[in-house]
N, C-alpha and C. Protein backbone atom coordinates (compact mmCIF):
# COMPACT_ATOMS: atom_id res chain seq x y z
N MET A 1 113.76 76.92 71.30
CA MET A 1 112.52 76.35 71.80
C MET A 1 112.17 77.03 73.13
N ALA A 2 110.95 77.44 73.26
CA ALA A 2 110.50 78.12 74.47
C ALA A 2 110.08 77.12 75.55
N SER A 3 110.28 77.49 76.78
CA SER A 3 109.82 76.65 77.88
C SER A 3 108.33 76.89 78.10
N THR A 4 107.69 75.95 78.79
CA THR A 4 106.27 76.06 79.09
C THR A 4 106.08 76.12 80.60
N HIS A 5 105.24 77.05 81.03
CA HIS A 5 104.95 77.21 82.45
C HIS A 5 103.45 77.08 82.67
N THR A 6 103.07 76.58 83.84
CA THR A 6 101.67 76.43 84.21
C THR A 6 101.45 77.08 85.56
N SER A 7 100.42 77.91 85.68
CA SER A 7 100.12 78.51 86.98
C SER A 7 99.20 77.58 87.77
N LYS A 8 99.37 77.59 89.07
CA LYS A 8 98.59 76.75 89.97
C LYS A 8 98.03 77.59 91.11
N THR A 9 96.78 77.39 91.44
CA THR A 9 96.22 78.00 92.65
C THR A 9 96.30 76.94 93.74
N LEU A 10 97.11 77.19 94.74
CA LEU A 10 97.32 76.22 95.81
C LEU A 10 96.43 76.51 97.02
N LEU A 11 96.07 77.77 97.20
CA LEU A 11 95.18 78.16 98.29
C LEU A 11 94.48 79.45 97.88
N THR A 12 93.17 79.38 97.69
CA THR A 12 92.43 80.59 97.31
C THR A 12 92.42 81.57 98.48
N SER A 13 92.29 82.83 98.17
CA SER A 13 92.31 83.87 99.19
C SER A 13 91.24 83.60 100.25
N GLN A 14 91.67 83.61 101.51
CA GLN A 14 90.74 83.34 102.60
C GLN A 14 91.22 83.99 103.88
N ALA A 15 90.27 84.28 104.75
CA ALA A 15 90.59 84.84 106.07
C ALA A 15 91.11 83.72 106.96
N LEU A 16 92.10 84.06 107.76
CA LEU A 16 92.67 83.11 108.72
C LEU A 16 92.62 83.76 110.10
N ALA A 17 92.00 83.10 111.04
CA ALA A 17 91.83 83.65 112.38
C ALA A 17 93.16 83.70 113.14
N ALA A 18 93.20 84.47 114.19
CA ALA A 18 94.39 84.57 115.03
C ALA A 18 94.80 83.19 115.53
N ALA A 19 96.09 82.90 115.46
CA ALA A 19 96.70 81.66 115.94
C ALA A 19 96.19 80.41 115.21
N ALA A 20 95.54 80.56 114.08
CA ALA A 20 95.04 79.42 113.30
C ALA A 20 96.05 79.04 112.22
N SER A 21 95.93 77.80 111.72
CA SER A 21 96.79 77.31 110.64
C SER A 21 95.94 76.80 109.49
N VAL A 22 96.53 76.82 108.29
CA VAL A 22 95.86 76.27 107.12
C VAL A 22 96.93 75.63 106.23
N ASN A 23 96.55 74.54 105.58
CA ASN A 23 97.43 73.87 104.63
C ASN A 23 96.94 74.14 103.21
N ALA A 24 97.86 74.51 102.34
CA ALA A 24 97.53 74.67 100.92
C ALA A 24 97.37 73.28 100.30
N THR A 25 96.78 73.22 99.13
CA THR A 25 96.67 71.98 98.38
C THR A 25 98.06 71.45 98.07
N GLU A 26 98.26 70.16 98.28
CA GLU A 26 99.56 69.56 97.95
C GLU A 26 99.84 69.73 96.46
N TRP A 27 101.08 70.02 96.12
CA TRP A 27 101.49 70.27 94.74
C TRP A 27 102.32 69.10 94.26
N ASN A 28 101.81 68.38 93.27
CA ASN A 28 102.50 67.23 92.68
C ASN A 28 103.40 67.74 91.55
N LEU A 29 104.71 67.65 91.75
CA LEU A 29 105.68 68.12 90.76
C LEU A 29 106.44 66.96 90.12
N THR A 30 105.91 65.75 90.20
CA THR A 30 106.64 64.58 89.71
C THR A 30 106.87 64.60 88.20
N THR A 31 106.03 65.31 87.46
CA THR A 31 106.22 65.39 86.00
C THR A 31 106.70 66.77 85.56
N ALA A 32 107.14 67.58 86.52
CA ALA A 32 107.58 68.95 86.22
C ALA A 32 109.08 69.09 86.46
N TYR A 33 109.58 70.25 86.11
CA TYR A 33 111.00 70.56 86.29
C TYR A 33 111.18 71.59 87.40
N GLY A 34 110.40 71.47 88.45
CA GLY A 34 110.46 72.41 89.56
C GLY A 34 109.47 73.55 89.38
N GLY A 35 109.58 74.54 90.25
CA GLY A 35 108.67 75.68 90.16
C GLY A 35 108.92 76.70 91.25
N LEU A 36 108.04 77.68 91.30
CA LEU A 36 108.07 78.71 92.33
C LEU A 36 106.76 78.66 93.10
N ALA A 37 106.83 78.70 94.41
CA ALA A 37 105.64 78.80 95.25
C ALA A 37 105.61 80.20 95.85
N ALA A 38 104.47 80.85 95.78
CA ALA A 38 104.33 82.21 96.30
C ALA A 38 103.15 82.28 97.26
N VAL A 39 103.39 82.87 98.42
CA VAL A 39 102.35 83.05 99.44
C VAL A 39 102.18 84.54 99.69
N LYS A 40 100.93 84.97 99.76
CA LYS A 40 100.62 86.38 100.06
C LYS A 40 99.94 86.44 101.43
N LEU A 41 100.51 87.23 102.32
CA LEU A 41 99.97 87.44 103.66
C LEU A 41 99.52 88.90 103.76
N THR A 42 98.29 89.13 104.18
CA THR A 42 97.79 90.49 104.35
C THR A 42 97.31 90.68 105.78
N ASN A 43 97.98 91.56 106.52
CA ASN A 43 97.57 91.86 107.89
C ASN A 43 96.30 92.69 107.88
N GLY A 44 95.54 92.58 108.95
CA GLY A 44 94.35 93.41 109.11
C GLY A 44 94.74 94.82 109.55
N GLY A 45 93.74 95.64 109.83
CA GLY A 45 93.98 97.01 110.28
C GLY A 45 94.77 97.07 111.57
N THR A 46 94.65 96.03 112.37
CA THR A 46 95.48 95.87 113.56
C THR A 46 96.36 94.66 113.33
N ALA A 47 97.66 94.85 113.36
CA ALA A 47 98.59 93.75 113.07
C ALA A 47 98.62 92.74 114.21
N PRO A 48 99.00 91.49 113.91
CA PRO A 48 99.15 90.50 114.97
C PRO A 48 100.33 90.86 115.88
N THR A 49 100.34 90.31 117.09
CA THR A 49 101.44 90.59 118.02
C THR A 49 102.61 89.63 117.84
N THR A 50 102.40 88.55 117.13
CA THR A 50 103.49 87.65 116.72
C THR A 50 103.35 87.44 115.22
N VAL A 51 104.48 87.27 114.54
CA VAL A 51 104.46 87.20 113.08
C VAL A 51 103.79 85.94 112.55
N PRO A 52 103.11 86.03 111.40
CA PRO A 52 102.62 84.84 110.72
C PRO A 52 103.82 84.06 110.17
N ILE A 53 103.73 82.75 110.20
CA ILE A 53 104.82 81.88 109.75
C ILE A 53 104.36 81.08 108.54
N VAL A 54 105.22 81.01 107.52
CA VAL A 54 104.96 80.19 106.33
C VAL A 54 106.03 79.11 106.26
N LYS A 55 105.61 77.86 106.16
CA LYS A 55 106.55 76.75 106.05
C LYS A 55 106.32 76.05 104.71
N PHE A 56 107.40 75.87 103.96
CA PHE A 56 107.38 75.16 102.70
C PHE A 56 108.01 73.79 102.93
N TYR A 57 107.30 72.75 102.53
CA TYR A 57 107.78 71.38 102.72
C TYR A 57 107.97 70.70 101.37
N VAL A 58 108.90 69.77 101.32
CA VAL A 58 109.06 68.89 100.16
C VAL A 58 108.99 67.46 100.66
N GLY A 59 108.68 66.54 99.75
CA GLY A 59 108.61 65.14 100.13
C GLY A 59 108.71 64.23 98.92
N GLU A 60 109.10 63.00 99.18
CA GLU A 60 109.28 62.02 98.12
C GLU A 60 108.01 61.23 97.82
N SER A 61 106.97 61.46 98.60
CA SER A 61 105.69 60.80 98.35
C SER A 61 104.58 61.73 98.84
N THR A 62 103.38 61.48 98.36
CA THR A 62 102.26 62.32 98.75
C THR A 62 102.06 62.27 100.27
N GLY A 63 101.87 63.41 100.89
CA GLY A 63 101.68 63.48 102.33
C GLY A 63 102.96 63.59 103.14
N THR A 64 104.11 63.32 102.55
CA THR A 64 105.38 63.44 103.26
C THR A 64 105.77 64.90 103.32
N LYS A 65 106.08 65.38 104.53
CA LYS A 65 106.42 66.80 104.71
C LYS A 65 107.77 66.92 105.41
N ARG A 66 108.77 67.33 104.64
CA ARG A 66 110.10 67.59 105.18
C ARG A 66 110.37 69.09 105.01
N LEU A 67 110.59 69.77 106.12
CA LEU A 67 110.74 71.23 106.07
C LEU A 67 111.87 71.63 105.14
N TYR A 68 111.56 72.47 104.17
CA TYR A 68 112.52 72.94 103.17
C TYR A 68 112.91 74.39 103.43
N TYR A 69 111.92 75.22 103.76
CA TYR A 69 112.16 76.65 103.93
C TYR A 69 111.08 77.23 104.83
N GLN A 70 111.46 78.19 105.66
CA GLN A 70 110.50 78.85 106.54
C GLN A 70 110.74 80.35 106.48
N ALA A 71 109.66 81.12 106.44
CA ALA A 71 109.75 82.58 106.41
C ALA A 71 108.58 83.15 107.20
N SER A 72 108.63 84.46 107.44
CA SER A 72 107.55 85.07 108.23
C SER A 72 107.11 86.39 107.62
N GLY A 73 105.92 86.79 108.03
CA GLY A 73 105.39 88.10 107.67
C GLY A 73 105.92 89.14 108.65
N ASP A 74 105.18 90.23 108.80
CA ASP A 74 105.63 91.29 109.71
C ASP A 74 104.53 91.67 110.69
N LEU A 75 104.80 92.69 111.48
CA LEU A 75 103.87 93.16 112.51
C LEU A 75 103.36 94.56 112.21
N VAL A 76 103.17 94.87 110.94
CA VAL A 76 102.75 96.20 110.51
C VAL A 76 101.26 96.18 110.14
N ASN A 77 100.52 97.15 110.63
CA ASN A 77 99.09 97.25 110.31
C ASN A 77 98.85 97.30 108.81
N SER A 78 97.92 96.50 108.32
CA SER A 78 97.47 96.50 106.92
C SER A 78 98.57 96.21 105.89
N SER A 79 99.67 95.64 106.29
CA SER A 79 100.76 95.37 105.34
C SER A 79 100.49 94.12 104.52
N VAL A 80 101.15 94.05 103.38
CA VAL A 80 101.07 92.89 102.49
C VAL A 80 102.48 92.33 102.35
N ASN A 81 102.64 91.03 102.62
CA ASN A 81 103.93 90.36 102.50
C ASN A 81 103.82 89.26 101.46
N ASP A 82 104.69 89.30 100.45
CA ASP A 82 104.78 88.23 99.46
C ASP A 82 106.03 87.42 99.76
N ILE A 83 105.85 86.12 99.97
CA ILE A 83 106.96 85.23 100.27
C ILE A 83 107.05 84.21 99.15
N VAL A 84 108.23 84.13 98.52
CA VAL A 84 108.42 83.24 97.37
C VAL A 84 109.50 82.22 97.69
N CYS A 85 109.26 80.98 97.31
CA CYS A 85 110.22 79.90 97.53
C CYS A 85 110.42 79.15 96.22
N GLU A 86 111.68 79.03 95.79
CA GLU A 86 111.98 78.26 94.58
C GLU A 86 112.08 76.78 94.92
N LEU A 87 111.36 75.97 94.16
CA LEU A 87 111.38 74.51 94.34
C LEU A 87 112.22 73.92 93.21
N PRO A 88 113.34 73.30 93.53
CA PRO A 88 114.25 72.83 92.49
C PRO A 88 113.69 71.65 91.70
N GLN A 89 114.40 71.33 90.64
CA GLN A 89 113.98 70.28 89.71
C GLN A 89 113.73 68.94 90.40
N GLY A 90 114.45 68.63 91.43
CA GLY A 90 114.29 67.34 92.10
C GLY A 90 113.07 67.22 93.00
N THR A 91 112.31 68.28 93.16
CA THR A 91 111.14 68.26 94.04
C THR A 91 110.05 67.36 93.46
N MET A 92 109.55 66.43 94.28
CA MET A 92 108.47 65.55 93.83
C MET A 92 107.11 66.06 94.30
N PHE A 93 107.00 66.36 95.59
CA PHE A 93 105.76 66.89 96.16
C PHE A 93 106.10 68.07 97.05
N ALA A 94 105.25 69.09 97.03
CA ALA A 94 105.46 70.28 97.87
C ALA A 94 104.19 70.59 98.64
N ASN A 95 104.36 71.05 99.86
CA ASN A 95 103.25 71.45 100.72
C ASN A 95 103.58 72.78 101.37
N ILE A 96 102.56 73.53 101.70
CA ILE A 96 102.73 74.82 102.38
C ILE A 96 101.78 74.85 103.56
N THR A 97 102.30 75.25 104.73
CA THR A 97 101.48 75.47 105.91
C THR A 97 101.67 76.91 106.36
N ILE A 98 100.56 77.60 106.59
CA ILE A 98 100.59 78.98 107.06
C ILE A 98 99.97 79.02 108.44
N THR A 99 100.70 79.57 109.41
CA THR A 99 100.20 79.74 110.77
C THR A 99 100.17 81.23 111.07
N TRP A 100 98.97 81.73 111.39
CA TRP A 100 98.83 83.16 111.63
C TRP A 100 99.29 83.51 113.04
N GLY A 101 99.69 84.76 113.24
CA GLY A 101 100.15 85.24 114.54
C GLY A 101 99.01 85.38 115.54
N ALA A 102 99.39 85.68 116.77
CA ALA A 102 98.41 85.80 117.86
C ALA A 102 97.64 87.11 117.78
N THR A 103 96.53 87.15 118.39
CA THR A 103 95.63 88.29 118.67
C THR A 103 94.73 88.75 117.53
N THR A 104 95.19 88.81 116.28
CA THR A 104 94.31 89.23 115.19
C THR A 104 94.54 88.34 113.97
N GLY A 105 93.54 88.24 113.13
CA GLY A 105 93.65 87.43 111.92
C GLY A 105 94.13 88.23 110.73
N GLY A 106 94.17 87.55 109.59
CA GLY A 106 94.58 88.20 108.35
C GLY A 106 94.07 87.40 107.16
N THR A 107 94.56 87.73 105.99
CA THR A 107 94.16 87.06 104.76
C THR A 107 95.37 86.37 104.15
N VAL A 108 95.16 85.15 103.64
CA VAL A 108 96.25 84.36 103.06
C VAL A 108 95.84 83.80 101.70
N GLU A 109 96.83 83.58 100.84
CA GLU A 109 96.61 82.90 99.56
C GLU A 109 97.95 82.36 99.09
N ALA A 110 97.91 81.33 98.23
CA ALA A 110 99.15 80.72 97.73
C ALA A 110 98.99 80.27 96.29
N TYR A 111 100.05 80.48 95.52
CA TYR A 111 100.04 80.15 94.10
C TYR A 111 101.35 79.47 93.72
N GLY A 112 101.32 78.76 92.60
CA GLY A 112 102.52 78.12 92.09
C GLY A 112 102.74 78.45 90.63
N GLN A 113 104.00 78.43 90.24
CA GLN A 113 104.40 78.59 88.84
C GLN A 113 105.25 77.37 88.51
N GLU A 114 104.70 76.49 87.71
CA GLU A 114 105.33 75.19 87.42
C GLU A 114 106.01 75.21 86.06
N LEU A 115 107.26 74.76 86.03
CA LEU A 115 107.98 74.62 84.77
C LEU A 115 107.66 73.23 84.23
N THR A 116 106.85 73.17 83.16
CA THR A 116 106.36 71.88 82.67
C THR A 116 107.17 71.31 81.52
N THR A 117 107.77 72.15 80.69
CA THR A 117 108.66 71.66 79.62
C THR A 117 109.81 72.63 79.44
N ILE A 118 110.92 72.07 78.98
CA ILE A 118 112.11 72.88 78.72
C ILE A 118 112.41 72.82 77.24
């Protein structure tokens, strides 16, 4: 028997200003068997002077944010960073917050791959 997966758009591609933050759509995994969350960070032609930070949160109820994993982009002009976080079977709700580095903005987007049946 094959497993079933569902793709999710958690944050459509958008520009993020220097030192600004954005929250992706909360991901309800209460009826799923976990998943993968992927964030794409694209620096502008001039890289930020501090790295963009991505925080992945899990929680037992909607709106609850307990830090699960944190990663960062780089300081390279025009670079693209893909950051992936595996969310285990016990995850009920997941949230992602992206905070861009200082001085210049960039482009961000986030997607999910949900395991819906085994």
